[in-house]
Amino acid sequence: MKTISKYVSVLLVSALALTSCEDWMNAAPEGATKTADQKADAASQNPDAAAADISAIYAQFIQLYPGLGDLGYERHNDFGYAAICLFTEAQGQDFIGPNIGYNWFSFSDWASIRDNTLQTTYGLVSHLVWNEYYKIISACNNVISLVDRANPGSQKYALSQALAVRAFCYTQLAQLYQFTYDDATKALPCVPLVVENMSSERQESNPRATVEEVFNLILADLKYACDSLEDFQRSDKGYVDQAVAYGLRARANLIAKNYAQAAIDADSALILSGATPLDIVEAAKPGFAEANTHNVLWANIIVETNDIVQTGIINWPSHLSTFYGDGYTGVGATRFISDALYDQISATDVRKGWWLNEKLQSPLLDVAGYSAMKEAIQIDGNEYVTVKFGTGDGTTTGLGAAAADWILMRAEELYLIKAEGLAKSGGDGAGTLTSFVQTYRDPSYSVAQHGLGLEDEIWWQRRVELWGEGFAFGDIMRLEKPIIRTNSSNWPAAWASQDVQARSGVLLWRIPQAEIEANKGISEADNNPYVAY
């Protein structure tokens, strides 16, 4: 077992200057600012520049220290988009980590949302998440700025991918910094919109756009991508193709309450991709670590040479896969499902085996390649620990195990979007949900078995199916649900009583202090207010 030690560079915070999000977009390599004319000239000299730069977008998802590295911090929870997913999962009610020093995602007491300074561990989280999303947006804008949308020529596919990923980032940000899209919130401030070729004046003063403005951009970007990615043949699932673009638009339409269109888009993504859910036999083994499976539409492709893998411990298997013996889970920082949710899963549902029961048992422990970890994880206190997530090569040690893809979109999510979209637009959501669960998860399933209304039943299915994958907090915000921890017995005492009512101000993330200092368009008065818990 590798010795694991936490560390963070000791710096004078006052000396650190966080570049504002609008400056990142136009930063030239020498530190100057590229003008629109310079970008256009660069594109004319190299017509394939946008296509060449597209790889930079996807590389940003899996960078080592992308959120805080520029500030001199090397934190073990700063390894790209998968880390953001673990942060947001920890804010909910179903995804539990131990209250120990090795848990780098122990941000379940709302401090990470409320603290926007660089003075504390929690404040660093606010900066990490903000910086990572806007850096990806920056990489997208660098590509978009090089292409004439009206006449994109051979760079059409690069442009479309950049627009789709930018829309993805703004969709994620919108669910953190403002409540869900509706008539009461559409005029409220969301996040600043950073787009290609902004004027210098706008770059220096970029206020928060409204929720409606943000979603107008998201849906416009995704329309272009859906329309223009036809016939695009990607080299692997790390790239956005037309099916993924439709899937991203299905998500956005669900948030914007365009329910019928969300169902149509989800169905289009399934048809175009040919993706199908894991069947019951396939779901009865550790997985969700490999892009090259029939249920995956989009993933971050991670290989042994990536920096986050080379570290051994600063990657998602280290923090999430119970089977990865060389990482943080190997020293006790495992992840649990709340016993309240686990107890509601039927014994005939294959997903019951995605976690150990109260007797430390799961059929997934007997799967070839993973059974070697059986004794190691069967220790006191590991009831309800996850065994859902496998490793990169089915082993328990080494870089091959850490080189696990992070799944961004899979067929199962699209079926659940389709069910919800139909249910909320007068269609047969119940039939779609029943067919999905009975066919792929629980042959004995009945849509009424949990005694919930259809909306809450679909949400329940999302909570179980997508557990640990980064959807939980967005669903809580989108559906305006409370966070209830007091009905579970296995939350650590420090966080067990921290229930939060729906649409409580404490749920809104606060814009980092350094962004406010750098961006004249946002003052502290414009920030989401500090709400004491």
Protein backbone atom coordinates (compact mmCIF):
# COMPACT_ATOMS: atom_id res chain seq x y z
CA MET A 1 0.00 0.00 0.00
CA LYS A 2 1.34 3.39 -0.91
CA THR A 3 1.78 5.90 1.87
CA ILE A 4 -0.73 8.71 1.37
CA SER A 5 -0.14 12.18 2.72
CA LYS A 6 -2.14 15.30 2.20
CA TYR A 7 -0.29 18.40 1.26
CA VAL A 8 -0.95 21.88 0.04
CA SER A 9 1.55 24.53 -0.91
CA VAL A 10 1.99 27.22 1.70
CA LEU A 11 1.56 30.52 -0.09
CA LEU A 12 0.75 34.10 0.72
CA VAL A 13 -2.81 34.23 -0.55
CA SER A 14 -2.63 37.97 -1.04
CA ALA A 15 0.06 37.42 -3.63
CA LEU A 16 -2.11 35.13 -5.70
CA ALA A 17 -4.00 36.64 -8.60
CA LEU A 18 -6.84 34.58 -10.00
CA THR A 19 -7.44 35.49 -13.61
CA SER A 20 -11.06 36.41 -14.22
CA CYS A 21 -13.09 34.07 -16.41
CA GLU A 22 -13.32 36.48 -19.31
CA ASP A 23 -9.53 36.99 -19.40
CA TRP A 24 -8.87 33.27 -19.68
CA MET A 25 -10.73 33.19 -22.95
CA ASN A 26 -8.38 35.59 -24.68
CA ALA A 27 -5.06 34.84 -23.04
CA ALA A 28 -2.32 34.55 -25.63
CA PRO A 29 0.68 32.31 -24.87
CA GLU A 30 2.89 35.30 -24.13
CA GLY A 31 0.36 36.70 -21.68
CA ALA A 32 -0.95 39.39 -23.99
CA THR A 33 -4.52 39.54 -25.26
CA LYS A 34 -5.53 38.25 -28.64
CA THR A 35 -7.83 40.51 -30.57
CA ALA A 36 -10.60 39.25 -32.82
CA ASP A 37 -8.57 40.38 -35.86
CA GLN A 38 -5.53 38.40 -34.67
CA LYS A 39 -7.66 35.29 -34.22
CA ALA A 40 -9.20 35.67 -37.65
CA ASP A 41 -5.75 36.13 -39.16
CA ALA A 42 -4.52 33.00 -37.39
CA ALA A 43 -7.45 31.04 -38.76
CA SER A 44 -6.84 32.25 -42.30
CA GLN A 45 -3.21 31.15 -42.10
CA ASN A 46 -4.11 27.75 -40.69
CA PRO A 47 -7.61 26.67 -41.77
CA ASP A 48 -7.39 23.51 -39.65
CA ALA A 49 -6.48 25.37 -36.46
CA ALA A 50 -9.87 24.78 -34.86
CA ALA A 51 -9.77 21.07 -35.55
CA ALA A 52 -6.28 20.88 -34.05
CA ASP A 53 -7.37 22.74 -30.94
CA ILE A 54 -10.40 20.55 -30.26
CA SER A 55 -8.26 18.06 -28.34
CA ALA A 56 -7.42 20.80 -25.83
CA ILE A 57 -11.07 20.95 -24.82
CA TYR A 58 -11.28 17.30 -23.90
CA ALA A 59 -7.85 17.29 -22.28
CA GLN A 60 -9.03 19.98 -19.86
CA PHE A 61 -11.57 17.52 -18.37
CA ILE A 62 -8.80 15.28 -17.04
CA GLN A 63 -6.02 17.71 -16.13
CA LEU A 64 -4.06 17.35 -12.91
CA TYR A 65 -4.73 20.37 -10.66
CA PRO A 66 -6.85 22.27 -13.24
CA GLY A 67 -8.82 24.22 -10.66
CA LEU A 68 -6.09 25.35 -8.28
CA GLY A 69 -2.77 24.52 -9.88
CA ASP A 70 -2.40 27.98 -11.39
CA LEU A 71 -2.65 29.34 -7.86
CA GLY A 72 0.11 27.11 -6.57
CA TYR A 73 -2.12 24.58 -4.80
CA GLU A 74 -1.63 20.87 -5.44
CA ARG A 75 -4.66 19.28 -3.86
CA HIS A 76 -5.61 15.64 -4.11
CA ASN A 77 -9.23 16.48 -4.94
CA ASP A 78 -8.28 18.53 -8.01
CA PHE A 79 -8.20 16.09 -10.92
CA GLY A 80 -10.77 17.43 -13.36
CA TYR A 81 -14.44 16.95 -14.03
CA ALA A 82 -14.79 13.67 -12.12
CA ALA A 83 -13.67 15.51 -8.97
CA ILE A 84 -16.43 18.08 -9.44
CA CYS A 85 -18.92 15.23 -9.64
CA LEU A 86 -17.71 13.89 -6.29
CA PHE A 87 -18.00 17.33 -4.70
CA THR A 88 -21.58 17.79 -5.81
CA GLU A 89 -22.57 14.22 -4.93
CA ALA A 90 -21.35 14.85 -1.38
CA GLN A 91 -23.77 17.76 -1.03
CA GLY A 92 -26.81 15.49 -1.27
CA GLN A 93 -28.41 12.88 0.95
CA ASP A 94 -27.49 9.53 -0.58
CA PHE A 95 -23.71 9.67 -1.12
CA ILE A 96 -21.81 9.36 2.15
CA GLY A 97 -18.12 9.50 2.97
CA PRO A 98 -16.45 8.92 6.33
CA ASN A 99 -15.52 11.85 8.52
CA ILE A 100 -11.79 11.13 8.42
CA GLY A 101 -8.72 13.01 7.24
CA TYR A 102 -8.27 10.86 4.15
CA ASN A 103 -11.68 11.91 2.79
CA TRP A 104 -10.85 14.76 0.42
CA PHE A 105 -14.54 15.16 -0.40
CA SER A 106 -15.87 15.62 3.12
CA PHE A 107 -17.77 18.78 2.19
CA SER A 108 -21.18 17.71 3.39
CA ASP A 109 -21.75 20.56 5.84
CA TRP A 110 -22.41 23.23 3.15
CA ALA A 111 -19.20 25.12 3.89
CA SER A 112 -17.90 24.62 0.35
CA ILE A 113 -20.95 26.36 -1.05
CA ARG A 114 -20.95 29.30 1.35
CA ASP A 115 -17.23 30.06 1.59
CA ASN A 116 -15.94 31.83 -1.52
CA THR A 117 -12.55 32.97 -0.22
CA LEU A 118 -9.12 31.42 -0.59
CA GLN A 119 -8.59 31.45 3.16
CA THR A 120 -9.92 27.99 4.02
CA THR A 121 -10.08 24.47 2.68
CA TYR A 122 -13.75 24.98 1.86
CA GLY A 123 -13.12 28.22 0.01
CA LEU A 124 -10.65 26.43 -2.20
CA VAL A 125 -13.48 24.19 -3.41
CA SER A 126 -15.44 27.19 -4.65
CA HIS A 127 -12.45 28.35 -6.69
CA LEU A 128 -11.65 24.86 -7.93
CA VAL A 129 -15.08 24.24 -9.42
CA TRP A 130 -15.44 27.73 -10.92
CA ASN A 131 -11.98 27.70 -12.46
CA GLU A 132 -12.34 24.25 -13.99
CA TYR A 133 -15.59 25.03 -15.78
CA TYR A 134 -14.41 28.37 -17.11
CA LYS A 135 -11.14 26.88 -18.30
CA ILE A 136 -13.08 24.35 -20.35
CA ILE A 137 -15.24 27.20 -21.64
CA SER A 138 -12.06 29.08 -22.53
CA ALA A 139 -10.80 26.13 -24.57
CA CYS A 140 -14.17 25.99 -26.34
CA ASN A 141 -14.11 29.70 -27.12
CA ASN A 142 -10.63 29.41 -28.55
CA VAL A 143 -11.99 26.98 -31.13
CA ILE A 144 -15.25 28.82 -31.77
CA SER A 145 -13.44 32.11 -32.40
CA LEU A 146 -11.48 30.57 -35.27
CA VAL A 147 -14.49 29.49 -37.32
CA ASP A 148 -17.00 31.38 -39.42
CA ARG A 149 -20.30 29.83 -38.39
CA ALA A 150 -21.99 30.81 -41.62
CA ASN A 151 -19.28 29.11 -43.66
CA PRO A 152 -17.40 26.70 -41.38
CA GLY A 153 -16.10 24.46 -44.16
CA SER A 154 -13.94 21.59 -42.95
CA GLN A 155 -14.01 22.96 -39.39
CA LYS A 156 -17.76 22.46 -38.95
CA TYR A 157 -17.34 19.44 -36.70
CA ALA A 158 -14.75 21.15 -34.49
CA LEU A 159 -17.01 24.18 -34.10
CA SER A 160 -20.02 22.01 -33.27
CA GLN A 161 -18.15 20.05 -30.61
CA ALA A 162 -16.87 23.25 -29.01
CA LEU A 163 -20.39 24.69 -28.89
CA ALA A 164 -21.77 21.49 -27.38
CA VAL A 165 -19.13 21.31 -24.65
CA ARG A 166 -19.56 25.01 -23.85
CA ALA A 167 -23.29 24.39 -23.47
CA PHE A 168 -22.53 21.44 -21.19
CA CYS A 169 -20.42 23.64 -18.91
CA TYR A 170 -23.02 26.39 -18.68
CA THR A 171 -25.70 23.80 -17.93
CA GLN A 172 -23.60 22.53 -15.03
CA LEU A 173 -22.82 26.02 -13.74
CA ALA A 174 -26.45 27.11 -13.92
CA GLN A 175 -27.45 24.34 -11.52
CA LEU A 176 -24.93 25.49 -8.93
CA TYR A 177 -25.32 29.26 -8.94
CA GLN A 178 -29.07 29.72 -9.30
CA PHE A 179 -32.27 27.79 -8.72
CA THR A 180 -33.96 25.90 -11.51
CA TYR A 181 -35.38 27.57 -14.60
CA ASP A 182 -38.97 28.78 -14.16
CA ASP A 183 -41.00 31.98 -14.36
CA ALA A 184 -39.85 33.02 -10.88
CA THR A 185 -36.14 32.57 -11.55
CA LYS A 186 -35.57 33.20 -15.25
CA ALA A 187 -34.80 36.89 -14.64
CA LEU A 188 -32.49 36.19 -11.67
CA PRO A 189 -28.71 36.44 -12.01
CA CYS A 190 -26.96 33.19 -12.91
CA VAL A 191 -23.33 33.24 -14.10
CA PRO A 192 -21.37 35.54 -16.41
CA LEU A 193 -21.45 34.46 -20.03
CA VAL A 194 -18.03 34.29 -21.61
CA VAL A 195 -18.28 33.91 -25.37
CA GLU A 196 -15.89 34.14 -28.29
CA ASN A 197 -14.53 37.47 -29.52
CA MET A 198 -15.82 39.59 -26.65
CA SER A 199 -14.86 43.25 -26.76
CA SER A 200 -12.19 44.45 -24.34
CA GLU A 201 -14.77 46.58 -22.54
CA ARG A 202 -16.99 43.60 -21.97
CA GLN A 203 -14.06 41.49 -20.89
CA GLU A 204 -13.24 43.97 -18.15
CA SER A 205 -16.83 44.19 -16.90
CA ASN A 206 -18.90 41.05 -17.35
CA PRO A 207 -21.95 40.90 -15.08
CA ARG A 208 -23.94 37.81 -14.23
CA ALA A 209 -26.32 36.91 -17.03
CA THR A 210 -29.87 35.94 -16.16
CA VAL A 211 -31.00 32.33 -16.01
CA GLU A 212 -32.97 32.91 -19.20
CA GLU A 213 -29.97 34.37 -21.01
CA VAL A 214 -27.79 31.46 -19.97
CA PHE A 215 -30.30 28.91 -21.23
CA ASN A 216 -30.85 30.84 -24.44
CA LEU A 217 -27.13 30.43 -25.15
CA ILE A 218 -27.13 26.78 -24.08
CA LEU A 219 -30.01 25.85 -26.34
CA ALA A 220 -28.69 27.90 -29.27
CA ASP A 221 -25.27 26.24 -29.00
CA LEU A 222 -26.84 22.79 -28.80
CA LYS A 223 -29.16 23.42 -31.74
CA TYR A 224 -26.15 24.21 -33.93
CA ALA A 225 -24.36 21.11 -32.67
CA CYS A 226 -27.36 18.81 -33.18
CA ASP A 227 -27.90 20.16 -36.68
CA SER A 228 -24.27 20.12 -37.76
CA LEU A 229 -22.79 16.91 -36.36
CA GLU A 230 -24.64 14.66 -38.77
CA ASP A 231 -22.19 12.27 -40.46
CA PHE A 232 -19.42 13.10 -37.97
CA GLN A 233 -17.46 9.95 -37.28
CA ARG A 234 -15.47 10.22 -34.08
CA SER A 235 -12.36 8.21 -33.33
CA ASP A 236 -13.51 7.29 -29.83
CA LYS A 237 -16.20 8.10 -27.28
CA GLY A 238 -14.18 10.95 -25.82
CA TYR A 239 -15.58 13.22 -28.54
CA VAL A 240 -19.06 14.69 -28.80
CA ASP A 241 -20.99 13.33 -31.77
CA GLN A 242 -24.56 14.04 -32.87
CA ALA A 243 -26.08 11.54 -30.45
CA VAL A 244 -24.23 13.11 -27.50
CA ALA A 245 -25.34 16.58 -28.61
CA TYR A 246 -28.95 15.42 -28.55
CA GLY A 247 -28.36 13.90 -25.12
CA LEU A 248 -26.95 17.17 -23.82
CA ARG A 249 -29.94 19.03 -25.22
CA ALA A 250 -32.27 16.52 -23.55
CA ARG A 251 -30.67 17.41 -20.22
CA ALA A 252 -30.95 21.14 -20.85
CA ASN A 253 -34.57 20.89 -21.98
CA LEU A 254 -35.42 18.91 -18.86
CA ILE A 255 -34.06 21.73 -16.70
CA ALA A 256 -35.80 24.37 -18.82
CA LYS A 257 -39.07 22.43 -18.45
CA ASN A 258 -39.37 21.76 -22.16
CA TYR A 259 -40.47 18.26 -21.23
CA ALA A 260 -41.85 16.97 -24.52
CA GLN A 261 -38.72 18.11 -26.35
CA ALA A 262 -36.51 16.56 -23.66
CA ALA A 263 -38.16 13.19 -24.30
CA ILE A 264 -37.75 13.58 -28.06
CA ASP A 265 -34.08 14.52 -27.71
CA ALA A 266 -33.36 11.62 -25.37
CA ASP A 267 -34.99 9.23 -27.81
CA SER A 268 -33.00 10.73 -30.69
CA ALA A 269 -29.76 10.23 -28.76
CA LEU A 270 -30.61 6.58 -28.16
CA ILE A 271 -31.56 5.94 -31.78
CA LEU A 272 -28.56 7.74 -33.25
CA SER A 273 -26.07 6.07 -30.90
CA GLY A 274 -27.58 2.60 -30.89
CA ALA A 275 -26.67 2.52 -27.19
CA THR A 276 -28.57 0.12 -24.96
CA PRO A 277 -28.52 -0.25 -21.17
CA LEU A 278 -26.47 -2.89 -19.44
CA ASP A 279 -28.63 -5.98 -19.03
CA ILE A 280 -29.19 -7.62 -15.67
CA VAL A 281 -26.23 -9.99 -16.05
CA GLU A 282 -23.89 -7.18 -17.12
CA ALA A 283 -25.05 -4.93 -14.27
CA ALA A 284 -24.22 -7.66 -11.75
CA LYS A 285 -20.51 -6.93 -11.79
CA PRO A 286 -18.34 -3.92 -10.92
CA GLY A 287 -18.14 -1.53 -13.85
CA PHE A 288 -18.73 2.07 -14.95
CA ALA A 289 -15.02 2.45 -15.63
CA GLU A 290 -14.83 1.66 -19.35
CA ALA A 291 -16.07 3.78 -22.25
CA ASN A 292 -16.02 0.95 -24.75
CA THR A 293 -19.29 -0.66 -23.62
CA HIS A 294 -22.62 -0.63 -25.43
CA ASN A 295 -24.37 1.58 -22.86
CA VAL A 296 -21.86 4.47 -22.98
CA LEU A 297 -22.33 7.43 -25.33
CA TRP A 298 -19.67 9.82 -23.98
CA ALA A 299 -16.79 9.55 -21.54
CA ASN A 300 -13.50 11.07 -20.47
CA ILE A 301 -10.95 8.66 -21.92
CA ILE A 302 -8.21 8.12 -19.35
CA VAL A 303 -5.01 6.16 -20.04
CA GLU A 304 -1.92 5.20 -18.07
CA THR A 305 0.16 8.08 -19.39
CA ASN A 306 -2.24 10.77 -18.10
CA ASP A 307 -0.84 12.77 -15.20
CA ILE A 308 -3.78 11.97 -12.95
CA VAL A 309 -3.02 8.27 -13.40
CA GLN A 310 0.73 8.66 -12.97
CA THR A 311 0.15 10.15 -9.50
CA GLY A 312 -1.36 6.84 -8.42
CA ILE A 313 -3.74 8.46 -5.94
CA ILE A 314 -5.05 11.69 -7.49
CA ASN A 315 -7.76 10.24 -9.71
CA TRP A 316 -11.32 9.07 -9.40
CA PRO A 317 -10.72 5.33 -8.72
CA SER A 318 -8.53 6.33 -5.79
CA HIS A 319 -11.45 8.16 -4.21
CA LEU A 320 -14.45 6.15 -5.42
CA SER A 321 -13.62 2.57 -6.40
CA THR A 322 -13.52 0.37 -3.33
CA PHE A 323 -11.47 -2.12 -5.32
CA TYR A 324 -8.55 0.23 -5.98
CA GLY A 325 -6.19 -0.86 -3.22
CA ASP A 326 -3.50 1.72 -3.98
CA GLY A 327 -5.72 4.75 -3.39
CA TYR A 328 -7.63 6.59 -0.71
CA THR A 329 -10.39 3.98 -0.58
CA GLY A 330 -7.65 1.54 0.43
CA VAL A 331 -7.05 3.49 3.64
CA GLY A 332 -10.68 3.85 4.64
CA ALA A 333 -12.03 6.74 2.54
CA THR A 334 -14.71 4.58 0.97
CA ARG A 335 -18.16 5.79 -0.15
CA PHE A 336 -21.48 4.53 1.18
CA ILE A 337 -25.11 4.71 0.17
CA SER A 338 -27.52 5.98 2.81
CA ASP A 339 -29.19 3.02 4.47
CA ALA A 340 -32.56 4.75 4.05
CA LEU A 341 -32.25 4.57 0.27
CA TYR A 342 -30.60 1.14 0.25
CA ASP A 343 -33.39 -0.39 2.33
CA GLN A 344 -35.93 0.70 -0.29
CA ILE A 345 -34.23 -1.26 -3.09
CA SER A 346 -36.02 -4.49 -3.84
CA ALA A 347 -34.18 -7.77 -3.25
CA THR A 348 -34.96 -8.66 -6.88
CA ASP A 349 -33.28 -5.49 -8.21
CA VAL A 350 -29.76 -6.22 -9.49
CA ARG A 351 -28.66 -2.81 -8.23
CA LYS A 352 -29.04 -3.99 -4.64
CA GLY A 353 -25.67 -5.64 -5.18
CA TRP A 354 -23.97 -2.33 -6.04
CA TRP A 355 -23.43 -1.89 -2.29
CA LEU A 356 -22.59 -4.24 0.58
CA ASN A 357 -25.51 -5.12 2.80
CA GLU A 358 -25.53 -5.00 6.60
CA LYS A 359 -23.80 -8.41 6.61
CA LEU A 360 -21.02 -7.11 4.33
CA GLN A 361 -22.26 -9.19 1.42
CA SER A 362 -22.76 -8.54 -2.29
CA PRO A 363 -22.72 -10.88 -5.29
CA LEU A 364 -20.41 -8.41 -7.02
CA LEU A 365 -17.63 -9.48 -4.64
CA ASP A 366 -17.50 -12.87 -6.31
CA VAL A 367 -16.88 -11.55 -9.83
CA ALA A 368 -13.60 -12.74 -11.32
CA GLY A 369 -10.93 -10.07 -11.12
CA TYR A 370 -12.45 -8.35 -8.11
CA SER A 371 -12.84 -11.16 -5.60
CA ALA A 372 -9.29 -10.60 -4.35
CA MET A 373 -10.49 -7.49 -2.56
CA LYS A 374 -13.27 -9.34 -0.76
CA GLU A 375 -11.50 -9.75 2.57
CA ALA A 376 -9.84 -6.35 2.45
CA ILE A 377 -13.09 -4.41 2.31
CA GLN A 378 -15.08 -6.61 4.68
CA ILE A 379 -14.18 -4.75 7.85
CA ASP A 380 -16.31 -3.23 10.58
CA GLY A 381 -18.09 -0.09 9.49
CA ASN A 382 -18.20 -0.95 5.81
CA GLU A 383 -21.87 -1.80 5.67
CA TYR A 384 -23.44 -0.16 2.60
CA VAL A 385 -20.05 0.59 1.00
CA THR A 386 -20.19 0.81 -2.78
CA VAL A 387 -18.89 -1.96 -5.00
CA LYS A 388 -20.53 -0.42 -8.09
CA PHE A 389 -17.39 1.08 -9.59
CA GLY A 390 -14.68 -1.16 -10.94
CA THR A 391 -11.16 -0.22 -12.04
CA GLY A 392 -9.52 0.43 -15.37
CA ASP A 393 -8.36 -3.10 -16.09
CA GLY A 394 -10.27 -5.17 -13.57
CA THR A 395 -7.34 -5.42 -11.16
CA THR A 396 -6.90 -3.89 -7.74
CA THR A 397 -3.45 -2.29 -8.02
CA GLY A 398 -1.19 -0.45 -10.41
CA LEU A 399 -1.57 2.24 -13.04
CA GLY A 400 -3.75 0.05 -15.23
CA ALA A 401 -6.34 -0.03 -12.48
CA ALA A 402 -6.22 3.76 -12.08
CA ALA A 403 -6.56 4.32 -15.84
CA ALA A 404 -10.35 4.17 -15.67
CA ASP A 405 -12.59 6.19 -17.97
CA TRP A 406 -15.09 8.58 -16.38
CA ILE A 407 -18.54 8.06 -17.86
CA LEU A 408 -20.29 11.29 -18.88
CA MET A 409 -23.43 9.94 -20.55
CA ARG A 410 -24.98 6.50 -20.80
CA ALA A 411 -28.15 5.00 -22.20
CA GLU A 412 -29.72 4.41 -18.80
CA GLU A 413 -29.80 8.14 -18.06
CA LEU A 414 -31.46 8.82 -21.41
CA TYR A 415 -34.21 6.31 -20.70
CA LEU A 416 -34.90 8.08 -17.41
CA ILE A 417 -34.94 11.49 -19.13
CA LYS A 418 -37.37 10.10 -21.69
CA ALA A 419 -39.61 8.73 -18.94
CA GLU A 420 -39.65 12.03 -17.06
CA GLY A 421 -40.17 14.10 -20.19
CA LEU A 422 -43.13 11.97 -21.22
CA ALA A 423 -44.60 11.89 -17.73
CA LYS A 424 -44.58 15.68 -17.53
CA SER A 425 -45.93 16.29 -21.03
CA GLY A 426 -48.87 13.95 -21.10
CA GLY A 427 -47.10 10.90 -22.50
CA ASP A 428 -46.64 7.39 -21.17
CA GLY A 429 -43.84 8.04 -18.70
CA ALA A 430 -44.99 5.22 -16.45
CA GLY A 431 -44.84 2.71 -19.28
CA THR A 432 -41.40 3.85 -20.38
CA LEU A 433 -40.07 3.65 -16.82
CA THR A 434 -41.62 0.25 -16.17
CA SER A 435 -40.24 -1.19 -19.39
CA PHE A 436 -36.74 0.08 -18.63
CA VAL A 437 -36.58 -1.20 -15.04
CA GLN A 438 -38.24 -4.56 -15.68
CA THR A 439 -36.04 -5.27 -18.71
CA TYR A 440 -32.68 -4.13 -17.38
CA ARG A 441 -32.77 -4.01 -13.58
CA ASP A 442 -35.67 -5.71 -11.77
CA PRO A 443 -38.06 -8.15 -13.50
CA SER A 444 -40.49 -7.85 -10.55
CA TYR A 445 -40.67 -4.05 -10.69
CA SER A 446 -43.91 -2.13 -10.37
CA VAL A 447 -44.04 1.63 -10.80
CA ALA A 448 -46.14 1.83 -7.62
CA GLN A 449 -43.92 -0.34 -5.42
CA HIS A 450 -42.38 2.55 -3.48
CA GLY A 451 -45.69 4.33 -2.93
CA LEU A 452 -44.50 7.47 -4.70
CA GLY A 453 -46.03 9.68 -7.33
CA LEU A 454 -44.62 9.17 -10.81
CA GLU A 455 -42.30 12.22 -10.63
CA ASP A 456 -40.83 11.09 -7.33
CA GLU A 457 -40.57 7.49 -8.56
CA ILE A 458 -38.51 8.61 -11.56
CA TRP A 459 -36.33 10.68 -9.24
CA TRP A 460 -35.94 7.64 -6.96
CA GLN A 461 -34.78 5.61 -9.94
CA ARG A 462 -32.27 8.32 -10.85
CA ARG A 463 -30.96 8.37 -7.27
CA VAL A 464 -30.24 4.64 -7.42
CA GLU A 465 -29.18 4.23 -11.06
CA LEU A 466 -26.91 7.30 -11.28
CA TRP A 467 -25.56 7.18 -7.71
CA GLY A 468 -22.01 8.52 -7.50
CA GLU A 469 -21.92 9.81 -11.09
CA GLY A 470 -22.46 13.53 -10.49
CA PHE A 471 -26.21 13.99 -11.07
CA ALA A 472 -27.61 14.09 -7.53
CA PHE A 473 -27.19 17.76 -6.63
CA GLY A 474 -28.41 18.97 -10.03
CA ASP A 475 -31.53 16.83 -9.64
CA ILE A 476 -32.18 18.26 -6.18
CA MET A 477 -31.96 21.78 -7.57
CA ARG A 478 -33.90 20.99 -10.75
CA LEU A 479 -36.75 19.21 -8.97
CA GLU A 480 -36.77 21.57 -5.97
CA LYS A 481 -36.33 18.75 -3.48
CA PRO A 482 -35.21 18.96 0.14
CA ILE A 483 -32.08 17.20 1.34
CA ILE A 484 -33.06 14.81 4.12
CA ARG A 485 -30.31 13.05 6.05
CA THR A 486 -32.03 12.50 9.38
CA ASN A 487 -33.91 9.44 8.13
CA SER A 488 -30.62 7.57 7.61
CA SER A 489 -28.63 5.97 10.41
CA ASN A 490 -25.23 5.81 8.70
CA TRP A 491 -24.44 9.48 8.14
CA PRO A 492 -21.42 10.56 10.24
CA ALA A 493 -22.57 12.43 13.33
CA ALA A 494 -21.08 15.73 12.16
CA TRP A 495 -23.45 15.87 9.16
CA ALA A 496 -26.31 13.56 10.14
CA SER A 497 -28.71 16.28 11.29
CA GLN A 498 -28.12 18.68 8.42
CA ASP A 499 -31.40 18.55 6.54
CA VAL A 500 -31.98 21.41 4.09
CA GLN A 501 -35.32 22.53 2.77
CA ALA A 502 -36.01 22.84 -0.93
CA ARG A 503 -34.84 26.09 -2.48
CA SER A 504 -32.99 27.12 0.66
CA GLY A 505 -30.46 29.87 -0.01
CA VAL A 506 -27.77 27.70 1.54
CA LEU A 507 -27.85 25.51 -1.57
CA LEU A 508 -26.58 28.23 -3.89
CA TRP A 509 -22.87 28.27 -4.53
CA ARG A 510 -21.15 31.64 -4.19
CA ILE A 511 -18.98 33.19 -6.88
CA PRO A 512 -15.31 33.11 -5.78
CA GLN A 513 -14.00 36.26 -4.16
CA ALA A 514 -11.07 36.49 -6.57
CA GLU A 515 -13.42 36.52 -9.56
CA ILE A 516 -15.32 39.41 -8.02
CA GLU A 517 -12.06 41.29 -7.46
CA ALA A 518 -10.99 40.74 -11.08
CA ASN A 519 -14.35 41.32 -12.77
CA LYS A 520 -15.71 44.87 -12.51
CA GLY A 521 -19.12 43.65 -13.58
CA ILE A 522 -19.69 41.70 -10.36
CA SER A 523 -19.55 43.18 -6.89
CA GLU A 524 -20.02 41.38 -3.60
CA ALA A 525 -23.56 42.77 -3.59
CA ASP A 526 -24.17 40.90 -6.85
CA ASN A 527 -23.06 37.59 -5.37
CA ASN A 528 -25.40 34.96 -3.98
CA PRO A 529 -25.85 35.99 -0.35
CA TYR A 530 -24.12 34.19 2.46
CA VAL A 531 -26.77 32.12 4.21
CA ALA A 532 -25.89 30.74 7.61
CA TYR A 533 -26.91 27.15 8.08
